[in-house]
Amino acid sequence: MSDILLGVDPRDPPVPALLWAADEAVRRGARLRLLAVVPPVHDRLWNDAFAHRSALRIRAESALADAEELVRELHRGLWTVTELVDGAPETVLREATHAAALAVVGSRRLGRAAELLSDGSVAVPLAARAECPVAVVREAGGTAVHPPRIVVGVDGSADCRAAVAFAMAEASLREARLSAVWVWPRPLLARDDDPEGLAEHRRLLAEAVAGCAERYPDVHVDPVVVRGHPVEELTRAAADALAVVVGRRGSGGYSGMRLGSTVRGLLRHAPGPVVAVPPARTEGAERPRLRTVRPALGG
């Protein structure tokens, strides 16, 4: 089962993320799995903790019902399932990504420490450790731009290969152009760009997208090499895009440390959805399965 998984926060239902996930499920012909997690209560007396937990469960049930009702009004044939689970939100959602093609969560744009440590934030920990790509959606991106655009960050590393494959498949699915952006950091001392270096980076960028471009001939690719800071330039490039897609590091330390500074920076500053893609485990896993159509069941 390759669901589109949406994490529903009972305290702050993520409407933009919900709409984005529902649209993604419709395009893929996939099931939309709405998952709300009730966290443990540790800082209260037993009676107070029981009442607080009960209130959280009631709020979570209401949030799930409202979310399901909204997506069914917008997409009447969409196959949905709701689930309420007790536990640590990041752990429960991460385990659920084993059976998902894509996980979608909202973003509260917390500060750096809160992103990593707060029990109210799952965006960074989930993006760092999920088994599938994770879309962090605070606001819908680029829906008024035609033709729509998707941006993918490319740096020639193994970590970006799966990101390029995902972005290419997503652009095909959404009939969008793909901007493949290689940010070339500026040296501290040189005043002018090196023409030979620029040509070399353009060649490397073309090589990085060539294989996927052959599999998706319907996608128009705009290769872009720009000098500057990766977060600043990718944020600028994604200003009117449907999403910006970036690769996640394959290994690393705790939580967001595994993401890398570029991904963490985009999660704080990018205007629209950010998709963090884990490295492909095998060569055959690089191409996402986007077009598996299932019956449109009512429940």
Protein backbone atom coordinates (compact mmCIF):
# COMPACT_ATOMS: atom_id res chain seq x y z
CA MET A 1 0.00 0.00 0.00
CA SER A 2 1.49 3.34 -1.07
CA ASP A 3 -0.67 5.90 0.69
CA ILE A 4 -0.41 9.63 0.78
CA LEU A 5 0.03 10.15 4.51
CA LEU A 6 -1.12 13.37 6.16
CA GLY A 7 -0.20 14.17 9.73
CA VAL A 8 -3.15 15.99 11.32
CA ASP A 9 -2.23 18.21 14.27
CA PRO A 10 -5.28 18.32 16.61
CA ARG A 11 -4.14 21.68 18.03
CA ASP A 12 -3.65 23.36 14.68
CA PRO A 13 -5.22 21.44 11.75
CA PRO A 14 -3.00 22.08 8.71
CA VAL A 15 -5.51 23.14 6.05
CA PRO A 16 -2.95 24.04 3.32
CA ALA A 17 -1.19 20.72 3.92
CA LEU A 18 -4.53 18.89 3.82
CA LEU A 19 -5.47 20.45 0.49
CA TRP A 20 -2.02 19.72 -0.93
CA ALA A 21 -2.11 16.08 0.21
CA ALA A 22 -5.64 15.54 -1.12
CA ASP A 23 -4.68 16.94 -4.51
CA GLU A 24 -1.61 14.71 -4.56
CA ALA A 25 -3.70 11.63 -3.73
CA VAL A 26 -6.19 12.42 -6.50
CA ARG A 27 -3.43 12.85 -9.07
CA ARG A 28 -1.80 9.57 -8.08
CA GLY A 29 -5.03 7.62 -7.70
CA ALA A 30 -3.85 6.79 -4.18
CA ARG A 31 -5.52 6.49 -0.80
CA LEU A 32 -5.30 9.48 1.55
CA ARG A 33 -4.47 8.37 5.08
CA LEU A 34 -5.30 10.97 7.71
CA LEU A 35 -3.36 10.24 10.88
CA ALA A 36 -3.69 12.14 14.17
CA VAL A 37 -1.49 11.34 17.15
CA VAL A 38 -2.35 12.03 20.79
CA PRO A 39 0.93 12.60 22.66
CA PRO A 40 1.57 11.36 26.20
CA VAL A 41 1.05 13.78 29.08
CA HIS A 42 3.95 13.81 31.54
CA ASP A 43 3.83 17.17 33.30
CA ARG A 44 0.49 16.93 35.14
CA LEU A 45 -1.02 15.15 38.15
CA TRP A 46 -2.84 11.90 37.33
CA ASN A 47 -6.38 13.29 37.45
CA ASP A 48 -5.43 16.40 35.53
CA ALA A 49 -3.41 14.36 33.01
CA PHE A 50 -6.36 12.02 32.39
CA ALA A 51 -8.70 14.94 31.75
CA HIS A 52 -6.16 16.67 29.54
CA ARG A 53 -5.55 13.51 27.52
CA SER A 54 -9.28 12.95 27.11
CA ALA A 55 -9.66 16.50 25.84
CA LEU A 56 -6.82 15.96 23.36
CA ARG A 57 -8.47 12.79 22.05
CA ILE A 58 -11.79 14.56 21.57
CA ARG A 59 -10.04 17.40 19.74
CA ALA A 60 -8.13 14.91 17.57
CA GLU A 61 -11.30 13.03 16.67
CA SER A 62 -12.96 16.30 15.71
CA ALA A 63 -9.96 17.40 13.64
CA LEU A 64 -9.94 14.09 11.75
CA ALA A 65 -13.69 14.26 11.07
CA ASP A 66 -13.44 17.85 9.83
CA ALA A 67 -10.47 17.04 7.61
CA GLU A 68 -12.18 14.03 6.07
CA GLU A 69 -15.38 15.98 5.47
CA LEU A 70 -13.47 18.78 3.75
CA VAL A 71 -11.53 16.55 1.35
CA ARG A 72 -14.65 14.55 0.48
CA GLU A 73 -16.48 17.76 -0.38
CA LEU A 74 -13.62 18.76 -2.67
CA HIS A 75 -12.90 15.30 -4.11
CA ARG A 76 -15.98 13.11 -3.80
CA GLY A 77 -14.34 9.99 -5.23
CA LEU A 78 -11.25 10.19 -3.05
CA TRP A 79 -10.44 7.08 -1.02
CA THR A 80 -9.76 8.19 2.56
CA VAL A 81 -9.07 6.51 5.86
CA THR A 82 -8.69 8.12 9.29
CA GLU A 83 -6.63 6.85 12.19
CA LEU A 84 -6.16 8.05 15.77
CA VAL A 85 -3.09 6.74 17.59
CA ASP A 86 -1.59 7.32 21.03
CA GLY A 87 2.14 7.95 21.21
CA ALA A 88 4.95 10.31 20.37
CA PRO A 89 3.88 12.11 17.16
CA GLU A 90 7.25 11.98 15.39
CA THR A 91 7.73 8.27 16.18
CA VAL A 92 4.21 7.25 15.11
CA LEU A 93 4.36 9.25 11.89
CA ARG A 94 7.84 8.00 11.05
CA GLU A 95 6.73 4.38 11.44
CA ALA A 96 3.72 5.11 9.23
CA THR A 97 6.01 6.29 6.41
CA HIS A 98 7.09 2.69 5.78
CA ALA A 99 3.81 2.16 3.91
CA ALA A 100 3.57 5.60 2.31
CA ALA A 101 4.62 7.00 -1.05
CA LEU A 102 4.66 10.52 0.38
CA ALA A 103 4.12 12.05 3.81
CA VAL A 104 2.67 15.55 4.18
CA VAL A 105 2.78 17.72 7.30
CA GLY A 106 2.15 21.36 8.09
CA SER A 107 4.78 23.76 9.33
CA ARG A 108 4.46 26.13 12.26
CA ARG A 109 7.73 27.92 11.36
CA LEU A 110 9.13 27.57 14.87
CA GLY A 111 12.58 28.76 15.84
CA ARG A 112 15.58 26.49 15.40
CA ALA A 113 15.57 25.05 18.93
CA ALA A 114 11.79 24.52 18.90
CA GLU A 115 11.99 22.81 15.51
CA LEU A 116 14.37 20.23 16.92
CA LEU A 117 13.19 19.81 20.49
CA SER A 118 9.55 20.84 20.85
CA ASP A 119 6.96 18.06 21.14
CA GLY A 120 4.70 20.33 19.13
CA SER A 121 6.88 20.20 16.02
CA VAL A 122 7.35 17.13 13.84
CA ALA A 123 8.32 18.72 10.51
CA VAL A 124 12.10 18.67 10.92
CA PRO A 125 12.42 15.32 12.77
CA LEU A 126 10.08 13.60 10.32
CA ALA A 127 11.77 15.06 7.24
CA ALA A 128 15.11 13.91 8.65
CA ARG A 129 14.17 10.31 9.37
CA ALA A 130 11.15 9.26 7.29
CA GLU A 131 11.32 6.28 4.96
CA CYS A 132 9.58 8.18 2.16
CA PRO A 133 9.70 11.75 0.79
CA VAL A 134 8.20 14.32 3.17
CA ALA A 135 6.40 17.46 1.98
CA VAL A 136 6.31 20.24 4.56
CA VAL A 137 3.49 22.61 3.60
CA ARG A 138 2.78 25.91 5.29
CA GLU A 139 1.18 27.63 2.32
CA ALA A 140 0.22 26.45 -1.14
CA GLY A 141 2.84 27.37 -3.70
CA GLY A 142 2.66 28.79 -7.20
CA THR A 143 -0.91 27.76 -8.03
CA ALA A 144 -1.56 30.94 -10.07
CA VAL A 145 1.50 30.49 -12.32
CA HIS A 146 0.95 28.88 -15.73
CA PRO A 147 2.58 26.70 -16.71
CA PRO A 148 3.36 25.70 -13.11
CA ARG A 149 6.95 25.14 -11.98
CA ILE A 150 8.72 22.76 -9.64
CA VAL A 151 12.25 23.51 -8.42
CA VAL A 152 14.83 20.86 -7.55
CA GLY A 153 18.17 21.56 -5.94
CA VAL A 154 21.06 19.73 -7.62
CA ASP A 155 24.64 19.46 -6.39
CA GLY A 156 25.92 16.34 -8.14
CA SER A 157 26.03 14.26 -4.95
CA ALA A 158 24.48 10.84 -4.49
CA ASP A 159 21.98 12.41 -2.07
CA CYS A 160 20.39 14.50 -4.81
CA ARG A 161 19.73 11.68 -7.28
CA ALA A 162 16.51 10.54 -5.66
CA ALA A 163 15.42 14.19 -5.34
CA VAL A 164 15.89 14.72 -9.07
CA ALA A 165 13.94 11.54 -9.84
CA PHE A 166 11.10 12.56 -7.52
CA ALA A 167 10.97 16.11 -8.89
CA MET A 168 10.94 14.90 -12.48
CA ALA A 169 8.11 12.45 -11.79
CA GLU A 170 6.17 15.10 -9.87
CA ALA A 171 6.56 17.60 -12.71
CA SER A 172 5.22 14.99 -15.13
CA LEU A 173 2.31 14.26 -12.83
CA ARG A 174 1.40 17.95 -12.51
CA GLU A 175 2.21 18.91 -16.12
CA ALA A 176 4.76 21.39 -14.79
CA ARG A 177 8.13 22.71 -15.93
CA LEU A 178 11.12 21.69 -13.87
CA SER A 179 13.80 24.19 -12.83
CA ALA A 180 16.94 22.22 -11.96
CA VAL A 181 19.05 24.64 -9.90
CA TRP A 182 22.73 24.19 -9.09
CA VAL A 183 23.91 26.84 -6.64
CA TRP A 184 27.61 27.53 -7.04
CA PRO A 185 28.93 29.19 -3.86
CA ARG A 186 30.88 32.38 -4.37
CA PRO A 187 34.56 32.29 -3.38
CA LEU A 188 35.60 34.70 -0.69
CA LEU A 189 38.33 36.43 -2.69
CA ALA A 190 37.51 36.15 -6.40
CA ARG A 191 35.62 39.11 -7.85
CA ASP A 192 34.56 37.66 -11.19
CA ASP A 193 32.96 34.36 -12.19
CA ASP A 194 35.26 31.83 -13.81
CA PRO A 195 33.86 31.11 -17.31
CA GLU A 196 35.45 27.67 -17.39
CA GLY A 197 34.09 26.82 -13.96
CA LEU A 198 30.62 27.98 -14.96
CA ALA A 199 30.72 25.81 -18.08
CA GLU A 200 31.83 22.83 -16.00
CA HIS A 201 28.98 23.26 -13.54
CA ARG A 202 26.50 23.48 -16.40
CA ARG A 203 27.89 20.23 -17.80
CA LEU A 204 27.60 18.51 -14.41
CA LEU A 205 24.03 19.75 -14.01
CA ALA A 206 23.09 18.40 -17.44
CA GLU A 207 24.57 15.02 -16.50
CA ALA A 208 22.68 14.97 -13.20
CA VAL A 209 19.26 15.31 -14.86
CA ALA A 210 19.93 13.48 -18.13
CA GLY A 211 18.82 10.00 -17.09
CA CYS A 212 15.55 11.14 -15.54
CA ALA A 213 14.86 13.49 -18.44
CA GLU A 214 14.96 10.53 -20.82
CA ARG A 215 12.31 8.75 -18.75
CA TYR A 216 10.07 11.83 -18.70
CA PRO A 217 10.25 13.38 -22.18
CA ASP A 218 7.06 15.35 -21.47
CA VAL A 219 8.82 17.47 -18.83
CA HIS A 220 10.57 20.65 -19.95
CA VAL A 221 13.73 21.13 -17.89
CA ASP A 222 15.23 24.57 -17.30
CA PRO A 223 18.85 24.08 -16.12
CA VAL A 224 20.03 26.96 -13.93
CA VAL A 225 23.52 27.52 -12.50
CA VAL A 226 23.71 30.49 -10.14
CA ARG A 227 26.35 31.87 -7.80
CA GLY A 228 25.38 32.51 -4.19
CA HIS A 229 24.17 30.92 -0.97
CA PRO A 230 22.15 27.72 -1.51
CA VAL A 231 19.28 28.61 0.84
CA GLU A 232 18.96 32.15 -0.48
CA GLU A 233 19.10 31.17 -4.15
CA LEU A 234 16.76 28.17 -3.87
CA THR A 235 14.31 30.26 -1.86
CA ARG A 236 14.41 32.91 -4.56
CA ALA A 237 13.99 30.31 -7.31
CA ALA A 238 11.00 28.78 -5.52
CA ALA A 239 9.14 32.08 -5.07
CA ASP A 240 6.44 31.18 -7.62
CA ALA A 241 6.92 27.38 -7.69
CA LEU A 242 4.55 24.61 -6.67
CA ALA A 243 7.30 23.17 -4.48
CA VAL A 244 11.05 23.01 -4.01
CA VAL A 245 12.52 19.49 -3.85
CA VAL A 246 15.83 18.71 -2.14
CA GLY A 247 17.76 15.59 -1.23
CA ARG A 248 18.24 14.45 2.33
CA ARG A 249 21.52 13.16 3.67
CA GLY A 250 21.71 9.40 3.83
CA SER A 251 23.17 9.21 7.33
CA GLY A 252 23.87 11.47 10.22
CA GLY A 253 23.17 12.32 13.80
CA TYR A 254 20.09 13.26 15.73
CA SER A 255 16.99 14.58 14.03
CA GLY A 256 17.52 17.65 11.87
CA MET A 257 21.29 17.19 11.83
CA ARG A 258 20.67 14.55 9.17
CA LEU A 259 18.90 17.00 6.91
CA GLY A 260 21.78 19.32 6.19
CA SER A 261 21.84 23.08 6.50
CA THR A 262 20.24 23.74 3.09
CA VAL A 263 17.14 21.68 3.80
CA ARG A 264 16.74 23.14 7.30
CA GLY A 265 17.13 26.64 5.90
CA LEU A 266 14.49 26.02 3.23
CA LEU A 267 12.06 24.69 5.84
CA ARG A 268 12.36 28.03 7.63
CA HIS A 269 12.44 30.38 4.65
CA ALA A 270 10.92 28.87 1.49
CA PRO A 271 7.56 30.47 0.63
CA GLY A 272 5.82 27.27 -0.42
CA PRO A 273 6.03 23.48 0.09
CA VAL A 274 9.44 21.90 0.66
CA VAL A 275 9.90 18.22 -0.19
CA ALA A 276 12.80 16.39 1.46
CA VAL A 277 13.65 13.15 -0.37
CA PRO A 278 15.67 10.37 1.25
CA PRO A 279 18.37 8.64 -0.83
CA ALA A 280 17.20 5.76 -3.00
CA ARG A 281 18.14 2.40 -1.52
CA THR A 282 18.68 0.83 -4.92
CA GLU A 283 18.96 2.00 -8.48
CA GLY A 284 15.54 0.54 -9.21
CA ALA A 285 14.01 2.61 -6.42
CA GLU A 286 14.95 5.94 -7.95
CA ARG A 287 11.81 6.23 -10.05
CA PRO A 288 8.77 6.90 -7.83
CA ARG A 289 5.58 5.01 -8.60
CA LEU A 290 3.13 7.79 -9.22
CA ARG A 291 0.47 6.41 -11.50
CA THR A 292 -0.92 3.35 -9.76
CA VAL A 293 -4.69 3.83 -9.90
CA ARG A 294 -6.97 2.15 -7.37
CA PRO A 295 -10.77 2.05 -7.23
CA ALA A 296 -12.28 5.27 -5.92
CA LEU A 297 -14.03 3.87 -2.87
CA GLY A 298 -16.30 5.95 -0.74
CA GLY A 299 -14.76 5.10 2.59
